[in-house]
Amino acid sequence: QAQLVESGGGLVQPGGSLRLSCAASGFTFSSTAMRWYRQAPGKEREYVAHINSAGSARMYGRSVKGRFIISRDNAKNTVYLEMNSLIPEDTAVYYCYAVGSWGQGTQVTVSS
């Protein structure tokens, strides 16, 4: 059974940076594309980014393109989301997704 565990969230000031991690187990990570989503209070869950199994192809949602970077380490079964130039609108719970499974999420709050 797939298990995804996010970490790295927290409170950050506007303009700051955070790096989220998602540790995966229960499936063949190195053969699986990985995605990040986020959900702000009162809003629909929003696609953020995804990366192919080899890490050679990445795509981003319009609202984060140019500020966020998705990466992965197949030796560590971990996918990352580096978030830069954070704005208050980035405040949300961030979720990792793969093979039909979701992690529990990690809260990111951007506020002065």
Protein backbone atom coordinates (compact mmCIF):
# COMPACT_ATOMS: atom_id res chain seq x y z
CA GLN A 1 0.00 0.00 0.00
CA ALA A 2 1.36 3.38 -1.01
CA GLN A 3 2.29 5.77 1.78
CA LEU A 4 3.23 9.41 1.32
CA VAL A 5 4.49 11.59 4.17
CA GLU A 6 4.96 15.32 3.67
CA SER A 7 7.14 17.55 5.82
CA GLY A 8 8.80 20.94 5.80
CA GLY A 9 5.83 23.26 6.10
CA GLY A 10 5.69 26.21 8.45
CA LEU A 11 5.28 29.94 8.81
CA VAL A 12 7.32 32.15 6.49
CA GLN A 13 7.34 35.84 5.68
CA PRO A 14 6.37 37.11 2.24
CA GLY A 15 9.34 36.86 -0.09
CA GLY A 16 10.77 33.95 1.84
CA SER A 17 11.44 30.35 0.87
CA LEU A 18 10.58 26.87 2.08
CA ARG A 19 11.40 23.37 0.89
CA LEU A 20 8.82 20.66 1.27
CA SER A 21 9.63 16.96 1.21
CA CYS A 22 7.46 13.94 0.50
CA ALA A 23 8.82 10.55 1.54
CA ALA A 24 7.26 7.67 -0.37
CA SER A 25 6.96 3.95 0.30
CA GLY A 26 4.88 0.96 -0.74
CA PHE A 27 5.37 1.30 -4.49
CA THR A 28 8.16 1.52 -7.03
CA PHE A 29 9.06 5.15 -6.58
CA SER A 30 11.67 5.30 -9.33
CA SER A 31 9.05 4.28 -11.91
CA THR A 32 6.32 6.66 -10.76
CA ALA A 33 5.53 10.26 -11.64
CA MET A 34 4.91 12.43 -8.59
CA ARG A 35 2.68 15.45 -8.07
CA TRP A 36 2.16 18.26 -5.60
CA TYR A 37 -1.21 19.88 -4.96
CA ARG A 38 -2.38 22.47 -2.48
CA GLN A 39 -5.65 23.49 -0.89
CA ALA A 40 -6.35 26.86 0.67
CA PRO A 41 -9.21 27.35 3.14
CA GLY A 42 -12.53 27.47 1.33
CA LYS A 43 -10.99 26.68 -2.06
CA GLU A 44 -10.72 23.69 -4.36
CA ARG A 45 -7.59 21.57 -4.33
CA GLU A 46 -5.17 23.08 -6.87
CA TYR A 47 -2.52 21.42 -9.01
CA VAL A 48 0.96 22.76 -8.23
CA ALA A 49 3.56 20.68 -10.06
CA HIS A 50 4.56 17.26 -11.26
CA ILE A 51 7.71 15.46 -12.25
CA ASN A 52 8.21 12.33 -14.32
CA SER A 53 9.80 9.20 -12.95
CA ALA A 54 13.31 10.03 -14.16
CA GLY A 55 13.16 13.65 -13.05
CA SER A 56 13.78 14.83 -16.60
CA ALA A 57 10.42 16.51 -17.19
CA ARG A 58 8.60 18.97 -14.93
CA MET A 59 5.43 20.96 -15.25
CA TYR A 60 3.94 23.67 -13.05
CA GLY A 61 0.65 25.32 -12.34
CA ARG A 62 0.30 28.85 -13.64
CA SER A 63 0.24 30.43 -10.20
CA VAL A 64 3.61 28.97 -9.14
CA LYS A 65 5.55 28.77 -12.40
CA GLY A 66 8.88 30.58 -12.14
CA ARG A 67 8.83 30.53 -8.32
CA PHE A 68 8.57 26.84 -7.37
CA ILE A 69 10.85 23.97 -8.34
CA ILE A 70 9.94 20.30 -8.11
CA SER A 71 12.71 17.72 -7.88
CA ARG A 72 13.22 14.14 -6.75
CA ASP A 73 15.83 11.80 -5.37
CA ASN A 74 15.06 8.26 -6.47
CA ALA A 75 17.74 6.87 -4.16
CA LYS A 76 15.86 8.35 -1.19
CA ASN A 77 12.31 7.75 -2.48
CA THR A 78 11.64 11.43 -1.91
CA VAL A 79 10.17 14.26 -3.94
CA TYR A 80 10.77 17.89 -3.07
CA LEU A 81 9.07 21.21 -3.68
CA GLU A 82 11.30 24.26 -3.36
CA MET A 83 9.13 27.33 -2.93
CA ASN A 84 10.64 30.77 -3.49
CA SER A 85 9.31 34.33 -3.52
CA LEU A 86 6.40 33.21 -1.40
CA ILE A 87 3.28 35.36 -1.28
CA PRO A 88 0.29 35.22 1.09
CA GLU A 89 -1.75 33.55 -1.67
CA ASP A 90 0.56 30.53 -1.37
CA THR A 91 -0.88 29.82 2.08
CA ALA A 92 -2.41 26.35 1.92
CA VAL A 93 -2.04 22.74 2.93
CA TYR A 94 0.35 21.11 0.47
CA TYR A 95 -0.21 17.49 -0.53
CA CYS A 96 1.88 14.91 -2.30
CA TYR A 97 0.07 12.56 -4.73
CA ALA A 98 0.98 9.36 -6.53
CA VAL A 99 -0.61 6.06 -7.61
CA GLY A 100 -4.03 7.15 -6.41
CA SER A 101 -2.83 7.98 -2.91
CA TRP A 102 -2.52 11.23 -1.00
CA GLY A 103 -0.31 12.22 1.88
CA GLN A 104 -1.68 13.85 5.01
CA GLY A 105 -0.48 17.29 3.93
CA THR A 106 1.77 19.92 5.42
CA GLN A 107 0.64 23.45 6.26
CA VAL A 108 2.38 26.42 4.68
CA THR A 109 1.50 29.87 5.96
CA VAL A 110 2.89 33.00 4.35
CA SER A 111 2.37 36.01 6.58
CA SER A 112 4.22 38.94 8.08
